[in-house]
């Protein structure tokens, strides 16, 4: 029997929020800080801050970029845009910014 393995690219970033109590995220690079009311993450799409109550990290696999948390999730906020390499916009800003 052939074994099939799911491979997740670290360049993919997705959020799945279920009933505001379970959050699964792909594309996570690192956890910067956390306590029971906030979790700050670096993702492929920039810095993401979760706010809520009784937050707990359930699963973290930085090799695969996977993260899961449980708790009462009140807010998800991106506080920094992802850095893009070689984008036309950044080149334009260097010339005219």
C-alpha atoms as a PDB file:
ATOM      1  CA  UNK A   1       0.000   0.000   0.000  1.00  0.00           C
ATOM      2  CA  UNK A   2       1.375   3.417  -0.980  1.00  0.00           C
ATOM      3  CA  UNK A   3       1.626   6.071   1.701  1.00  0.00           C
ATOM      4  CA  UNK A   4       0.321   9.510   0.725  1.00  0.00           C
ATOM      5  CA  UNK A   5       1.679  12.514   2.591  1.00  0.00           C
ATOM      6  CA  UNK A   6       0.128  15.947   2.545  1.00  0.00           C
ATOM      7  CA  UNK A   7       2.711  18.622   1.855  1.00  0.00           C
ATOM      8  CA  UNK A   8       1.954  22.183   2.859  1.00  0.00           C
ATOM      9  CA  UNK A   9       3.916  25.019   1.318  1.00  0.00           C
ATOM     10  CA  UNK A  10       5.087  27.644   3.789  1.00  0.00           C
ATOM     11  CA  UNK A  11       4.140  30.250   1.171  1.00  0.00           C
ATOM     12  CA  UNK A  12       0.433  29.485   1.669  1.00  0.00           C
ATOM     13  CA  UNK A  13      -1.336  31.498   4.347  1.00  0.00           C
ATOM     14  CA  UNK A  14      -4.871  30.667   5.372  1.00  0.00           C
ATOM     15  CA  UNK A  15      -7.106  31.219   8.401  1.00  0.00           C
ATOM     16  CA  UNK A  16     -10.009  29.041   9.507  1.00  0.00           C
ATOM     17  CA  UNK A  17     -12.057  30.376  12.411  1.00  0.00           C
ATOM     18  CA  UNK A  18     -14.785  28.086  13.747  1.00  0.00           C
ATOM     19  CA  UNK A  19     -17.488  29.498  16.042  1.00  0.00           C
ATOM     20  CA  UNK A  20     -14.999  32.129  17.299  1.00  0.00           C
ATOM     21  CA  UNK A  21     -13.508  29.401  19.517  1.00  0.00           C
ATOM     22  CA  UNK A  22     -11.084  27.451  17.316  1.00  0.00           C
ATOM     23  CA  UNK A  23      -8.558  29.039  14.964  1.00  0.00           C
ATOM     24  CA  UNK A  24      -6.311  27.168  12.525  1.00  0.00           C
ATOM     25  CA  UNK A  25      -3.655  29.091  10.589  1.00  0.00           C
ATOM     26  CA  UNK A  26      -1.177  28.017   7.925  1.00  0.00           C
ATOM     27  CA  UNK A  27       1.857  30.018   6.874  1.00  0.00           C
ATOM     28  CA  UNK A  28       3.025  30.758  10.435  1.00  0.00           C
ATOM     29  CA  UNK A  29       6.735  31.534  10.756  1.00  0.00           C
ATOM     30  CA  UNK A  30       7.000  32.142  14.507  1.00  0.00           C
ATOM     31  CA  UNK A  31       5.120  33.023  17.686  1.00  0.00           C
ATOM     32  CA  UNK A  32       6.415  36.322  19.054  1.00  0.00           C
ATOM     33  CA  UNK A  33       4.474  36.453  22.316  1.00  0.00           C
ATOM     34  CA  UNK A  34       1.391  34.999  23.943  1.00  0.00           C
ATOM     35  CA  UNK A  35      -0.700  34.939  27.082  1.00  0.00           C
ATOM     36  CA  UNK A  36      -4.340  34.121  27.795  1.00  0.00           C
ATOM     37  CA  UNK A  37      -5.603  37.379  26.187  1.00  0.00           C
ATOM     38  CA  UNK A  38      -3.382  37.802  23.106  1.00  0.00           C
ATOM     39  CA  UNK A  39      -1.136  35.878  20.730  1.00  0.00           C
ATOM     40  CA  UNK A  40       1.266  37.638  18.339  1.00  0.00           C
ATOM     41  CA  UNK A  41       2.455  35.683  15.288  1.00  0.00           C
ATOM     42  CA  UNK A  42       4.678  36.306  12.288  1.00  0.00           C
ATOM     43  CA  UNK A  43       3.035  34.862   9.173  1.00  0.00           C
ATOM     44  CA  UNK A  44       3.816  34.752   5.470  1.00  0.00           C
ATOM     45  CA  UNK A  45       1.451  37.727   5.107  1.00  0.00           C
ATOM     46  CA  UNK A  46       2.818  39.852   7.972  1.00  0.00           C
ATOM     47  CA  UNK A  47       2.385  40.155  11.731  1.00  0.00           C
ATOM     48  CA  UNK A  48      -0.943  38.869  13.050  1.00  0.00           C
ATOM     49  CA  UNK A  49      -2.280  39.614  16.543  1.00  0.00           C
ATOM     50  CA  UNK A  50      -5.126  37.575  18.059  1.00  0.00           C
ATOM     51  CA  UNK A  51      -7.075  39.038  20.973  1.00  0.00           C
ATOM     52  CA  UNK A  52      -9.573  37.298  23.205  1.00  0.00           C
ATOM     53  CA  UNK A  53     -10.026  35.459  26.494  1.00  0.00           C
ATOM     54  CA  UNK A  54      -8.669  32.137  27.752  1.00  0.00           C
ATOM     55  CA  UNK A  55      -6.524  31.726  24.626  1.00  0.00           C
ATOM     56  CA  UNK A  56      -4.442  28.564  24.501  1.00  0.00           C
ATOM     57  CA  UNK A  57      -2.076  27.334  21.808  1.00  0.00           C
ATOM     58  CA  UNK A  58      -3.208  23.826  20.925  1.00  0.00           C
ATOM     59  CA  UNK A  59      -0.809  22.959  18.084  1.00  0.00           C
ATOM     60  CA  UNK A  60       2.346  24.574  16.675  1.00  0.00           C
ATOM     61  CA  UNK A  61       4.545  23.138  13.925  1.00  0.00           C
ATOM     62  CA  UNK A  62       6.862  25.821  12.533  1.00  0.00           C
ATOM     63  CA  UNK A  63       8.435  23.430  10.026  1.00  0.00           C
ATOM     64  CA  UNK A  64       5.068  23.062   8.323  1.00  0.00           C
ATOM     65  CA  UNK A  65       3.857  26.561   9.269  1.00  0.00           C
ATOM     66  CA  UNK A  66       0.858  25.208  11.215  1.00  0.00           C
ATOM     67  CA  UNK A  67      -0.798  26.804  14.247  1.00  0.00           C
ATOM     68  CA  UNK A  68      -4.011  26.115  16.169  1.00  0.00           C
ATOM     69  CA  UNK A  69      -5.509  27.918  19.155  1.00  0.00           C
ATOM     70  CA  UNK A  70      -8.636  27.606  21.264  1.00  0.00           C
ATOM     71  CA  UNK A  71     -10.420  30.198  23.399  1.00  0.00           C
ATOM     72  CA  UNK A  72     -12.843  33.098  23.025  1.00  0.00           C
ATOM     73  CA  UNK A  73     -11.471  34.907  19.965  1.00  0.00           C
ATOM     74  CA  UNK A  74     -12.522  38.571  19.791  1.00  0.00           C
ATOM     75  CA  UNK A  75     -10.213  40.026  17.112  1.00  0.00           C
ATOM     76  CA  UNK A  76      -7.667  39.158  14.435  1.00  0.00           C
ATOM     77  CA  UNK A  77      -5.500  42.075  13.301  1.00  0.00           C
ATOM     78  CA  UNK A  78      -2.673  42.289  10.815  1.00  0.00           C
ATOM     79  CA  UNK A  79      -0.344  44.987  12.109  1.00  0.00           C
ATOM     80  CA  UNK A  80       2.317  44.795   9.411  1.00  0.00           C
ATOM     81  CA  UNK A  81       2.187  43.946   5.730  1.00  0.00           C
ATOM     82  CA  UNK A  82       4.235  41.086   4.375  1.00  0.00           C
ATOM     83  CA  UNK A  83       7.494  42.103   2.737  1.00  0.00           C
ATOM     84  CA  UNK A  84       7.584  41.265  -0.954  1.00  0.00           C
ATOM     85  CA  UNK A  85      10.783  40.853  -2.883  1.00  0.00           C
ATOM     86  CA  UNK A  86      11.155  42.470  -6.256  1.00  0.00           C
ATOM     87  CA  UNK A  87       7.661  43.922  -6.393  1.00  0.00           C
ATOM     88  CA  UNK A  88       6.949  46.786  -8.743  1.00  0.00           C
ATOM     89  CA  UNK A  89       5.496  48.858  -5.901  1.00  0.00           C
ATOM     90  CA  UNK A  90       8.619  48.736  -3.760  1.00  0.00           C
ATOM     91  CA  UNK A  91      10.817  49.608  -6.761  1.00  0.00           C
ATOM     92  CA  UNK A  92       8.529  52.525  -7.585  1.00  0.00           C
ATOM     93  CA  UNK A  93       8.786  53.814  -4.009  1.00  0.00           C
ATOM     94  CA  UNK A  94      12.580  53.655  -4.119  1.00  0.00           C
ATOM     95  CA  UNK A  95      12.617  55.742  -7.287  1.00  0.00           C
ATOM     96  CA  UNK A  96       9.947  58.283  -6.364  1.00  0.00           C
ATOM     97  CA  UNK A  97       9.362  57.805  -2.619  1.00  0.00           C
END
